[in-house]
Amino acid sequence: MALFEDITKGPISTVLIGIGVAMVAPTVIPAMASGLRPLAKALVRGGLTLYDAAREGVAEAGEQLNDLVAETRAEMANGAKAETNSAEEEYVAATGRTRRRRARS
């Protein structure tokens, strides 16, 4: 341990460490870059896969919501018709005659 502490002390050793790093950097940096490229591609591929899955899930949820809205509207329309028919039947039973419907223009 004392050896590493002694190396880093003094201006000459700092210059020697800098020269050593400058000599090794051209060989180490490209090797690291070529090793990092597949990792970066894998991360991008994973991100795209996640994006596509989320997009598909949101589209499916939207379709299900639209189906629920359409079904509810159909039930409401049928319910309104059933209420109108039952009111008409009650009127006919009470009065013995049907209501006149206005002609729509």
PDB file of N, CA and C in Angstrom:
ATOM      1  N   MET A   1       0.817  -1.185   0.000  1.00  0.00           N
ATOM      2  CA  MET A   1       0.000   0.000   0.000  1.00  0.00           C
ATOM      3  C   MET A   1       0.863   1.252   0.000  1.00  0.00           C
ATOM      4  N   ALA A   2       1.948   1.208   0.710  1.00  0.00           N
ATOM      5  CA  ALA A   2       2.822   2.378   0.778  1.00  0.00           C
ATOM      6  C   ALA A   2       3.431   2.670  -0.583  1.00  0.00           C
ATOM      7  N   LEU A   3       3.574   1.656  -1.415  1.00  0.00           N
ATOM      8  CA  LEU A   3       4.146   1.838  -2.740  1.00  0.00           C
ATOM      9  C   LEU A   3       3.238   2.737  -3.593  1.00  0.00           C
ATOM     10  N   PHE A   4       1.920   2.491  -3.571  1.00  0.00           N
ATOM     11  CA  PHE A   4       0.981   3.324  -4.330  1.00  0.00           C
ATOM     12  C   PHE A   4       0.920   4.752  -3.800  1.00  0.00           C
ATOM     13  N   GLU A   5       1.032   4.910  -2.506  1.00  0.00           N
ATOM     14  CA  GLU A   5       1.029   6.250  -1.929  1.00  0.00           C
ATOM     15  C   GLU A   5       2.277   7.017  -2.335  1.00  0.00           C
ATOM     16  N   ASP A   6       3.401   6.327  -2.412  1.00  0.00           N
ATOM     17  CA  ASP A   6       4.649   6.985  -2.798  1.00  0.00           C
ATOM     18  C   ASP A   6       4.650   7.360  -4.281  1.00  0.00           C
ATOM     19  N   ILE A   7       4.000   6.557  -5.110  1.00  0.00           N
ATOM     20  CA  ILE A   7       4.000   6.832  -6.554  1.00  0.00           C
ATOM     21  C   ILE A   7       3.244   8.122  -6.854  1.00  0.00           C
ATOM     22  N   THR A   8       2.144   8.334  -6.156  1.00  0.00           N
ATOM     23  CA  THR A   8       1.309   9.490  -6.466  1.00  0.00           C
ATOM     24  C   THR A   8       1.816  10.784  -5.864  1.00  0.00           C
ATOM     25  N   LYS A   9       2.850  10.739  -5.049  1.00  0.00           N
ATOM     26  CA  LYS A   9       3.397  11.964  -4.451  1.00  0.00           C
ATOM     27  C   LYS A   9       4.491  12.531  -5.342  1.00  0.00           C
ATOM     28  N   GLY A  10       4.468  13.827  -5.501  1.00  0.00           N
ATOM     29  CA  GLY A  10       5.533  14.500  -6.248  1.00  0.00           C
ATOM     30  C   GLY A  10       5.126  14.782  -7.678  1.00  0.00           C
ATOM     31  N   PRO A  11       5.694  15.846  -8.252  1.00  0.00           N
ATOM     32  CA  PRO A  11       5.315  16.259  -9.601  1.00  0.00           C
ATOM     33  C   PRO A  11       5.813  15.318 -10.689  1.00  0.00           C
ATOM     34  N   ILE A  12       6.948  14.687 -10.502  1.00  0.00           N
ATOM     35  CA  ILE A  12       7.498  13.817 -11.550  1.00  0.00           C
ATOM     36  C   ILE A  12       6.633  12.567 -11.693  1.00  0.00           C
ATOM     37  N   SER A  13       6.205  11.980 -10.575  1.00  0.00           N
ATOM     38  CA  SER A  13       5.388  10.772 -10.673  1.00  0.00           C
ATOM     39  C   SER A  13       4.027  11.079 -11.272  1.00  0.00           C
ATOM     40  N   THR A  14       3.469  12.262 -11.005  1.00  0.00           N
ATOM     41  CA  THR A  14       2.183  12.629 -11.587  1.00  0.00           C
ATOM     42  C   THR A  14       2.315  12.744 -13.094  1.00  0.00           C
ATOM     43  N   VAL A  15       3.400  13.321 -13.567  1.00  0.00           N
ATOM     44  CA  VAL A  15       3.643  13.443 -15.005  1.00  0.00           C
ATOM     45  C   VAL A  15       3.800  12.057 -15.621  1.00  0.00           C
ATOM     46  N   LEU A  16       4.515  11.167 -14.948  1.00  0.00           N
ATOM     47  CA  LEU A  16       4.701   9.810 -15.477  1.00  0.00           C
ATOM     48  C   LEU A  16       3.361   9.059 -15.553  1.00  0.00           C
ATOM     49  N   ILE A  17       2.513   9.228 -14.553  1.00  0.00           N
ATOM     50  CA  ILE A  17       1.185   8.588 -14.583  1.00  0.00           C
ATOM     51  C   ILE A  17       0.373   9.152 -15.742  1.00  0.00           C
ATOM     52  N   GLY A  18       0.430  10.460 -15.958  1.00  0.00           N
ATOM     53  CA  GLY A  18      -0.290  11.086 -17.072  1.00  0.00           C
ATOM     54  C   GLY A  18       0.193  10.574 -18.411  1.00  0.00           C
ATOM     55  N   ILE A  19       1.504  10.423 -18.568  1.00  0.00           N
ATOM     56  CA  ILE A  19       2.071   9.902 -19.822  1.00  0.00           C
ATOM     57  C   ILE A  19       1.639   8.452 -20.030  1.00  0.00           C
ATOM     58  N   GLY A  20       1.630   7.675 -18.950  1.00  0.00           N
ATOM     59  CA  GLY A  20       1.199   6.274 -19.047  1.00  0.00           C
ATOM     60  C   GLY A  20      -0.270   6.160 -19.465  1.00  0.00           C
ATOM     61  N   VAL A  21      -1.093   7.001 -18.872  1.00  0.00           N
ATOM     62  CA  VAL A  21      -2.518   6.986 -19.237  1.00  0.00           C
ATOM     63  C   VAL A  21      -2.678   7.420 -20.684  1.00  0.00           C
ATOM     64  N   ALA A  22      -1.950   8.427 -21.124  1.00  0.00           N
ATOM     65  CA  ALA A  22      -2.042   8.904 -22.503  1.00  0.00           C
ATOM     66  C   ALA A  22      -1.592   7.828 -23.493  1.00  0.00           C
ATOM     67  N   MET A  23      -0.634   6.987 -23.105  1.00  0.00           N
ATOM     68  CA  MET A  23      -0.160   5.926 -23.994  1.00  0.00           C
ATOM     69  C   MET A  23      -1.164   4.763 -24.057  1.00  0.00           C
ATOM     70  N   VAL A  24      -1.799   4.480 -22.959  1.00  0.00           N
ATOM     71  CA  VAL A  24      -2.713   3.329 -22.900  1.00  0.00           C
ATOM     72  C   VAL A  24      -4.106   3.696 -23.429  1.00  0.00           C
ATOM     73  N   ALA A  25      -4.509   4.952 -23.322  1.00  0.00           N
ATOM     74  CA  ALA A  25      -5.856   5.379 -23.690  1.00  0.00           C
ATOM     75  C   ALA A  25      -6.228   5.044 -25.135  1.00  0.00           C
ATOM     76  N   PRO A  26      -5.359   5.253 -26.140  1.00  0.00           N
ATOM     77  CA  PRO A  26      -5.767   4.938 -27.519  1.00  0.00           C
ATOM     78  C   PRO A  26      -6.099   3.455 -27.740  1.00  0.00           C
ATOM     79  N   THR A  27      -5.562   2.590 -26.942  1.00  0.00           N
ATOM     80  CA  THR A  27      -5.885   1.171 -27.115  1.00  0.00           C
ATOM     81  C   THR A  27      -7.064   0.745 -26.240  1.00  0.00           C
ATOM     82  N   VAL A  28      -7.214   1.372 -25.084  1.00  0.00           N
ATOM     83  CA  VAL A  28      -8.279   0.976 -24.158  1.00  0.00           C
ATOM     84  C   VAL A  28      -9.628   1.565 -24.560  1.00  0.00           C
ATOM     85  N   ILE A  29      -9.649   2.813 -24.975  1.00  0.00           N
ATOM     86  CA  ILE A  29     -10.923   3.474 -25.296  1.00  0.00           C
ATOM     87  C   ILE A  29     -11.628   2.803 -26.482  1.00  0.00           C
ATOM     88  N   PRO A  30     -10.963   2.502 -27.594  1.00  0.00           N
ATOM     89  CA  PRO A  30     -11.672   1.798 -28.677  1.00  0.00           C
ATOM     90  C   PRO A  30     -12.159   0.412 -28.248  1.00  0.00           C
ATOM     91  N   ALA A  31     -11.381  -0.279 -27.441  1.00  0.00           N
ATOM     92  CA  ALA A  31     -11.809  -1.597 -26.968  1.00  0.00           C
ATOM     93  C   ALA A  31     -13.058  -1.468 -26.107  1.00  0.00           C
ATOM     94  N   MET A  32     -13.080  -0.451 -25.253  1.00  0.00           N
ATOM     95  CA  MET A  32     -14.263  -0.227 -24.422  1.00  0.00           C
ATOM     96  C   MET A  32     -15.451   0.188 -25.295  1.00  0.00           C
ATOM     97  N   ALA A  33     -15.199   1.026 -26.298  1.00  0.00           N
ATOM     98  CA  ALA A  33     -16.273   1.489 -27.171  1.00  0.00           C
ATOM     99  C   ALA A  33     -16.872   0.329 -27.954  1.00  0.00           C
ATOM    100  N   SER A  34     -16.015  -0.553 -28.464  1.00  0.00           N
ATOM    101  CA  SER A  34     -16.537  -1.703 -29.217  1.00  0.00           C
ATOM    102  C   SER A  34     -17.283  -2.658 -28.296  1.00  0.00           C
ATOM    103  N   GLY A  35     -16.916  -2.697 -27.041  1.00  0.00           N
ATOM    104  CA  GLY A  35     -17.636  -3.531 -26.085  1.00  0.00           C
ATOM    105  C   GLY A  35     -18.941  -2.885 -25.634  1.00  0.00           C
ATOM    106  N   LEU A  36     -18.993  -1.554 -25.627  1.00  0.00           N
ATOM    107  CA  LEU A  36     -20.191  -0.852 -25.190  1.00  0.00           C
ATOM    108  C   LEU A  36     -21.253  -0.767 -26.282  1.00  0.00           C
ATOM    109  N   ARG A  37     -20.853  -0.843 -27.547  1.00  0.00           N
ATOM    110  CA  ARG A  37     -21.825  -0.749 -28.641  1.00  0.00           C
ATOM    111  C   ARG A  37     -22.880  -1.847 -28.571  1.00  0.00           C
ATOM    112  N   PRO A  38     -22.526  -3.115 -28.405  1.00  0.00           N
ATOM    113  CA  PRO A  38     -23.567  -4.138 -28.284  1.00  0.00           C
ATOM    114  C   PRO A  38     -24.462  -3.924 -27.059  1.00  0.00           C
ATOM    115  N   LEU A  39     -23.883  -3.420 -25.991  1.00  0.00           N
ATOM    116  CA  LEU A  39     -24.676  -3.129 -24.805  1.00  0.00           C
ATOM    117  C   LEU A  39     -25.675  -2.014 -25.097  1.00  0.00           C
ATOM    118  N   ALA A  40     -25.222  -0.973 -25.787  1.00  0.00           N
ATOM    119  CA  ALA A  40     -26.112   0.128 -26.140  1.00  0.00           C
ATOM    120  C   ALA A  40     -27.222  -0.353 -27.076  1.00  0.00           C
ATOM    121  N   LYS A  41     -26.887  -1.209 -28.044  1.00  0.00           N
ATOM    122  CA  LYS A  41     -27.900  -1.748 -28.948  1.00  0.00           C
ATOM    123  C   LYS A  41     -28.918  -2.590 -28.188  1.00  0.00           C
ATOM    124  N   ALA A  42     -28.464  -3.364 -27.228  1.00  0.00           N
ATOM    125  CA  ALA A  42     -29.374  -4.190 -26.434  1.00  0.00           C
ATOM    126  C   ALA A  42     -30.309  -3.316 -25.604  1.00  0.00           C
ATOM    127  N   LEU A  43     -29.788  -2.222 -25.057  1.00  0.00           N
ATOM    128  CA  LEU A  43     -30.639  -1.310 -24.293  1.00  0.00           C
ATOM    129  C   LEU A  43     -31.687  -0.645 -25.180  1.00  0.00           C
ATOM    130  N   VAL A  44     -31.290  -0.237 -26.379  1.00  0.00           N
ATOM    131  CA  VAL A  44     -32.238   0.385 -27.306  1.00  0.00           C
ATOM    132  C   VAL A  44     -33.290  -0.636 -27.734  1.00  0.00           C
ATOM    133  N   ARG A  45     -32.857  -1.857 -28.017  1.00  0.00           N
ATOM    134  CA  ARG A  45     -33.790  -2.908 -28.414  1.00  0.00           C
ATOM    135  C   ARG A  45     -34.796  -3.182 -27.293  1.00  0.00           C
ATOM    136  N   GLY A  46     -34.317  -3.239 -26.072  1.00  0.00           N
ATOM    137  CA  GLY A  46     -35.207  -3.450 -24.925  1.00  0.00           C
ATOM    138  C   GLY A  46     -36.185  -2.304 -24.754  1.00  0.00           C
ATOM    139  N   GLY A  47     -35.721  -1.083 -24.944  1.00  0.00           N
ATOM    140  CA  GLY A  47     -36.593   0.075 -24.849  1.00  0.00           C
ATOM    141  C   GLY A  47     -37.671   0.066 -25.915  1.00  0.00           C
ATOM    142  N   LEU A  48     -37.314  -0.291 -27.135  1.00  0.00           N
ATOM    143  CA  LEU A  48     -38.295  -0.366 -28.217  1.00  0.00           C
ATOM    144  C   LEU A  48     -39.316  -1.468 -27.966  1.00  0.00           C
ATOM    145  N   THR A  49     -38.860  -2.590 -27.449  1.00  0.00           N
ATOM    146  CA  THR A  49     -39.776  -3.685 -27.133  1.00  0.00           C
ATOM    147  C   THR A  49     -40.757  -3.257 -26.054  1.00  0.00           C
ATOM    148  N   LEU A  50     -40.253  -2.589 -25.037  1.00  0.00           N
ATOM    149  CA  LEU A  50     -41.115  -2.092 -23.960  1.00  0.00           C
ATOM    150  C   LEU A  50     -42.103  -1.061 -24.492  1.00  0.00           C
ATOM    151  N   TYR A  51     -41.653  -0.167 -25.344  1.00  0.00           N
ATOM    152  CA  TYR A  51     -42.524   0.855 -25.941  1.00  0.00           C
ATOM    153  C   TYR A  51     -43.640   0.212 -26.758  1.00  0.00           C
ATOM    154  N   ASP A  52     -43.280  -0.780 -27.592  1.00  0.00           N
ATOM    155  CA  ASP A  52     -44.285  -1.451 -28.417  1.00  0.00           C
ATOM    156  C   ASP A  52     -45.305  -2.183 -27.551  1.00  0.00           C
ATOM    157  N   ALA A  53     -44.844  -2.839 -26.492  1.00  0.00           N
ATOM    158  CA  ALA A  53     -45.762  -3.556 -25.601  1.00  0.00           C
ATOM    159  C   ALA A  53     -46.707  -2.581 -24.899  1.00  0.00           C
ATOM    160  N   ALA A  54     -46.187  -1.461 -24.452  1.00  0.00           N
ATOM    161  CA  ALA A  54     -47.024  -0.461 -23.778  1.00  0.00           C
ATOM    162  C   ALA A  54     -48.024   0.135 -24.763  1.00  0.00           C
ATOM    163  N   ARG A  55     -47.594   0.401 -25.969  1.00  0.00           N
ATOM    164  CA  ARG A  55     -48.475   0.967 -26.990  1.00  0.00           C
ATOM    165  C   ARG A  55     -49.621   0.001 -27.306  1.00  0.00           C
ATOM    166  N   GLU A  56     -49.283  -1.274 -27.424  1.00  0.00           N
ATOM    167  CA  GLU A  56     -50.301  -2.292 -27.693  1.00  0.00           C
ATOM    168  C   GLU A  56     -51.284  -2.407 -26.528  1.00  0.00           C
ATOM    169  N   GLY A  57     -50.766  -2.359 -25.314  1.00  0.00           N
ATOM    170  CA  GLY A  57     -51.631  -2.434 -24.135  1.00  0.00           C
ATOM    171  C   GLY A  57     -52.580  -1.256 -24.041  1.00  0.00           C
ATOM    172  N   VAL A  58     -52.091  -0.066 -24.348  1.00  0.00           N
ATOM    173  CA  VAL A  58     -52.947   1.130 -24.319  1.00  0.00           C
ATOM    174  C   VAL A  58     -54.008   1.041 -25.410  1.00  0.00           C
ATOM    175  N   ALA A  59     -53.645   0.550 -26.584  1.00  0.00           N
ATOM    176  CA  ALA A  59     -54.618   0.402 -27.668  1.00  0.00           C
ATOM    177  C   ALA A  59     -55.699  -0.601 -27.280  1.00  0.00           C
ATOM    178  N   GLU A  60     -55.317  -1.708 -26.669  1.00  0.00           N
ATOM    179  CA  GLU A  60     -56.279  -2.719 -26.224  1.00  0.00           C
ATOM    180  C   GLU A  60     -57.217  -2.144 -25.166  1.00  0.00           C
ATOM    181  N   ALA A  61     -56.665  -1.398 -24.226  1.00  0.00           N
ATOM    182  CA  ALA A  61     -57.497  -0.776 -23.191  1.00  0.00           C
ATOM    183  C   ALA A  61     -58.466   0.227 -23.808  1.00  0.00           C
ATOM    184  N   GLY A  62     -58.037   0.977 -24.800  1.00  0.00           N
ATOM    185  CA  GLY A  62     -58.907   1.929 -25.487  1.00  0.00           C
ATOM    186  C   GLY A  62     -60.052   1.223 -26.202  1.00  0.00           C
ATOM    187  N   GLU A  63     -59.750   0.089 -26.850  1.00  0.00           N
ATOM    188  CA  GLU A  63     -60.800  -0.669 -27.529  1.00  0.00           C
ATOM    189  C   GLU A  63     -61.825  -1.193 -26.523  1.00  0.00           C
ATOM    190  N   GLN A  64     -61.355  -1.697 -25.407  1.00  0.00           N
ATOM    191  CA  GLN A  64     -62.270  -2.211 -24.395  1.00  0.00           C
ATOM    192  C   GLN A  64     -63.141  -1.095 -23.828  1.00  0.00           C
ATOM    193  N   LEU A  65     -62.560   0.071 -23.627  1.00  0.00           N
ATOM    194  CA  LEU A  65     -63.332   1.205 -23.131  1.00  0.00           C
ATOM    195  C   LEU A  65     -64.388   1.633 -24.143  1.00  0.00           C
ATOM    196  N   ASN A  66     -64.016   1.672 -25.424  1.00  0.00           N
ATOM    197  CA  ASN A  66     -64.980   2.013 -26.468  1.00  0.00           C
ATOM    198  C   ASN A  66     -66.114   0.994 -26.524  1.00  0.00           C
ATOM    199  N   ASP A  67     -65.796  -0.289 -26.354  1.00  0.00           N
ATOM    200  CA  ASP A  67     -66.830  -1.320 -26.329  1.00  0.00           C
ATOM    201  C   ASP A  67     -67.785  -1.111 -25.158  1.00  0.00           C
ATOM    202  N   LEU A  68     -67.227  -0.784 -23.992  1.00  0.00           N
ATOM    203  CA  LEU A  68     -68.078  -0.542 -22.824  1.00  0.00           C
ATOM    204  C   LEU A  68     -68.997   0.653 -23.031  1.00  0.00           C
ATOM    205  N   VAL A  69     -68.481   1.714 -23.621  1.00  0.00           N
ATOM    206  CA  VAL A  69     -69.287   2.907 -23.877  1.00  0.00           C
ATOM    207  C   VAL A  69     -70.409   2.573 -24.855  1.00  0.00           C
ATOM    208  N   ALA A  70     -70.098   1.860 -25.939  1.00  0.00           N
ATOM    209  CA  ALA A  70     -71.115   1.505 -26.928  1.00  0.00           C
ATOM    210  C   ALA A  70     -72.179   0.598 -26.307  1.00  0.00           C
ATOM    211  N   GLU A  71     -71.741  -0.355 -25.495  1.00  0.00           N
ATOM    212  CA  GLU A  71     -72.689  -1.255 -24.842  1.00  0.00           C
ATOM    213  C   GLU A  71     -73.598  -0.497 -23.873  1.00  0.00           C
ATOM    214  N   THR A  72     -73.028   0.418 -23.120  1.00  0.00           N
ATOM    215  CA  THR A  72     -73.817   1.208 -22.174  1.00  0.00           C
ATOM    216  C   THR A  72     -74.818   2.093 -22.914  1.00  0.00           C
ATOM    217  N   ARG A  73     -74.389   2.709 -24.012  1.00  0.00           N
ATOM    218  CA  ARG A  73     -75.303   3.545 -24.789  1.00  0.00           C
ATOM    219  C   ARG A  73     -76.448   2.721 -25.370  1.00  0.00           C
ATOM    220  N   ALA A  74     -76.147   1.508 -25.839  1.00  0.00           N
ATOM    221  CA  ALA A  74     -77.192   0.639 -26.378  1.00  0.00           C
ATOM    222  C   ALA A  74     -78.182   0.258 -25.284  1.00  0.00           C
ATOM    223  N   GLU A  75     -77.660  -0.063 -24.095  1.00  0.00           N
ATOM    224  CA  GLU A  75     -78.543  -0.407 -22.976  1.00  0.00           C
ATOM    225  C   GLU A  75     -79.393   0.794 -22.575  1.00  0.00           C
ATOM    226  N   MET A  76     -78.812   1.977 -22.576  1.00  0.00           N
ATOM    227  CA  MET A  76     -79.576   3.173 -22.228  1.00  0.00           C
ATOM    228  C   MET A  76     -80.677   3.427 -23.254  1.00  0.00           C
ATOM    229  N   ALA A  77     -80.365   3.242 -24.544  1.00  0.00           N
ATOM    230  CA  ALA A  77     -81.359   3.453 -25.596  1.00  0.00           C
ATOM    231  C   ALA A  77     -82.483   2.431 -25.462  1.00  0.00           C
ATOM    232  N   ASN A  78     -82.138   1.174 -25.197  1.00  0.00           N
ATOM    233  CA  ASN A  78     -83.158   0.136 -25.018  1.00  0.00           C
ATOM    234  C   ASN A  78     -83.976   0.402 -23.768  1.00  0.00           C
ATOM    235  N   GLY A  79     -83.350   0.893 -22.730  1.00  0.00           N
ATOM    236  CA  GLY A  79     -84.060   1.222 -21.496  1.00  0.00           C
ATOM    237  C   GLY A  79     -85.029   2.359 -21.701  1.00  0.00           C
ATOM    238  N   ALA A  80     -84.648   3.367 -22.471  1.00  0.00           N
ATOM    239  CA  ALA A  80     -85.529   4.495 -22.752  1.00  0.00           C
ATOM    240  C   ALA A  80     -86.712   4.036 -23.590  1.00  0.00           C
ATOM    241  N   LYS A  81     -86.486   3.140 -24.558  1.00  0.00           N
ATOM    242  CA  LYS A  81     -87.577   2.605 -25.369  1.00  0.00           C
ATOM    243  C   LYS A  81     -88.517   1.778 -24.507  1.00  0.00           C
ATOM    244  N   ALA A  82     -87.950   0.976 -23.600  1.00  0.00           N
ATOM    245  CA  ALA A  82     -88.778   0.150 -22.723  1.00  0.00           C
ATOM    246  C   ALA A  82     -89.610   1.033 -21.799  1.00  0.00           C
ATOM    247  N   GLU A  83     -89.048   2.101 -21.288  1.00  0.00           N
ATOM    248  CA  GLU A  83     -89.795   3.025 -20.436  1.00  0.00           C
ATOM    249  C   GLU A  83     -90.902   3.704 -21.217  1.00  0.00           C
ATOM    250  N   THR A  84     -90.638   4.103 -22.459  1.00  0.00           N
ATOM    251  CA  THR A  84     -91.649   4.743 -23.298  1.00  0.00           C
ATOM    252  C   THR A  84     -92.780   3.762 -23.593  1.00  0.00           C
ATOM    253  N   ASN A  85     -92.417   2.516 -23.904  1.00  0.00           N
ATOM    254  CA  ASN A  85     -93.431   1.509 -24.203  1.00  0.00           C
ATOM    255  C   ASN A  85     -94.300   1.215 -22.985  1.00  0.00           C
ATOM    256  N   SER A  86     -93.693   1.125 -21.797  1.00  0.00           N
ATOM    257  CA  SER A  86     -94.488   0.839 -20.600  1.00  0.00           C
ATOM    258  C   SER A  86     -95.394   2.025 -20.260  1.00  0.00           C
ATOM    259  N   ALA A  87     -94.944   3.239 -20.471  1.00  0.00           N
ATOM    260  CA  ALA A  87     -95.784   4.416 -20.229  1.00  0.00           C
ATOM    261  C   ALA A  87     -96.938   4.446 -21.220  1.00  0.00           C
ATOM    262  N   GLU A  88     -96.666   4.080 -22.468  1.00  0.00           N
ATOM    263  CA  GLU A  88     -97.713   4.024 -23.493  1.00  0.00           C
ATOM    264  C   GLU A  88     -98.758   2.975 -23.123  1.00  0.00           C
ATOM    265  N   GLU A  89     -98.298   1.823 -22.661  1.00  0.00           N
ATOM    266  CA  GLU A  89     -99.228   0.759 -22.262  1.00  0.00           C
ATOM    267  C   GLU A  89    -100.089   1.188 -21.075  1.00  0.00           C
ATOM    268  N   GLU A  90     -99.500   1.888 -20.127  1.00  0.00           N
ATOM    269  CA  GLU A  90    -100.270   2.376 -18.974  1.00  0.00           C
ATOM    270  C   GLU A  90    -101.328   3.397 -19.415  1.00  0.00           C
ATOM    271  N   TYR A  91    -100.992   4.265 -20.345  1.00  0.00           N
ATOM    272  CA  TYR A  91    -101.927   5.271 -20.848  1.00  0.00           C
ATOM    273  C   TYR A  91    -103.097   4.601 -21.571  1.00  0.00           C
ATOM    274  N   VAL A  92    -102.759   3.611 -22.416  1.00  0.00           N
ATOM    275  CA  VAL A  92    -103.802   2.908 -23.157  1.00  0.00           C
ATOM    276  C   VAL A  92    -104.715   2.165 -22.189  1.00  0.00           C
ATOM    277  N   ALA A  93    -104.140   1.525 -21.176  1.00  0.00           N
ATOM    278  CA  ALA A  93    -104.939   0.778 -20.204  1.00  0.00           C
ATOM    279  C   ALA A  93    -105.848   1.723 -19.411  1.00  0.00           C
ATOM    280  N   ALA A  94    -105.369   2.909 -19.103  1.00  0.00           N
ATOM    281  CA  ALA A  94    -106.155   3.837 -18.294  1.00  0.00           C
ATOM    282  C   ALA A  94    -107.236   4.536 -19.104  1.00  0.00           C
ATOM    283  N   THR A  95    -106.910   4.891 -20.354  1.00  0.00           N
ATOM    284  CA  THR A  95    -107.855   5.689 -21.142  1.00  0.00           C
ATOM    285  C   THR A  95    -108.569   4.891 -22.221  1.00  0.00           C
ATOM    286  N   GLY A  96    -108.018   3.823 -22.623  1.00  0.00           N
ATOM    287  CA  GLY A  96    -108.606   3.029 -23.690  1.00  0.00           C
ATOM    288  C   GLY A  96    -108.301   3.564 -25.070  1.00  0.00           C
ATOM    289  N   ARG A  97    -107.439   4.529 -25.195  1.00  0.00           N
ATOM    290  CA  ARG A  97    -107.079   5.057 -26.509  1.00  0.00           C
ATOM    291  C   ARG A  97    -105.575   5.309 -26.575  1.00  0.00           C
ATOM    292  N   THR A  98    -105.064   5.414 -27.739  1.00  0.00           N
ATOM    293  CA  THR A  98    -103.623   5.626 -27.929  1.00  0.00           C
ATOM    294  C   THR A  98    -103.345   7.107 -28.113  1.00  0.00           C
ATOM    295  N   ARG A  99    -102.145   7.479 -27.877  1.00  0.00           N
ATOM    296  CA  ARG A  99    -101.738   8.875 -28.073  1.00  0.00           C
ATOM    297  C   ARG A  99    -101.442   9.118 -29.530  1.00  0.00           C
ATOM    298  N   ARG A 100    -101.724  10.308 -29.950  1.00  0.00           N
ATOM    299  CA  ARG A 100    -101.377  10.672 -31.320  1.00  0.00           C
ATOM    300  C   ARG A 100     -99.911  11.097 -31.345  1.00  0.00           C
ATOM    301  N   ARG A 101     -99.238  10.691 -32.337  1.00  0.00           N
ATOM    302  CA  ARG A 101     -97.843  11.072 -32.519  1.00  0.00           C
ATOM    303  C   ARG A 101     -97.774  12.208 -33.520  1.00  0.00           C
ATOM    304  N   ARG A 102     -96.966  13.167 -33.195  1.00  0.00           N
ATOM    305  CA  ARG A 102     -96.795  14.293 -34.117  1.00  0.00           C
ATOM    306  C   ARG A 102     -95.930  13.873 -35.283  1.00  0.00           C
ATOM    307  N   ALA A 103     -96.275  14.334 -36.429  1.00  0.00           N
ATOM    308  CA  ALA A 103     -95.431  14.065 -37.606  1.00  0.00           C
ATOM    309  C   ALA A 103     -94.229  14.981 -37.552  1.00  0.00           C
ATOM    310  N   ARG A 104     -93.113  14.410 -37.682  1.00  0.00           N
ATOM    311  CA  ARG A 104     -91.868  15.206 -37.659  1.00  0.00           C
ATOM    312  C   ARG A 104     -91.569  15.680 -39.071  1.00  0.00           C
ATOM    313  N   SER A 105     -91.223  16.960 -39.177  1.00  0.00           N
ATOM    314  CA  SER A 105     -90.917  17.485 -40.507  1.00  0.00           C
ATOM    315  C   SER A 105     -89.453  17.639 -40.712  1.00  0.00           C
TER     316      SER A 105
END
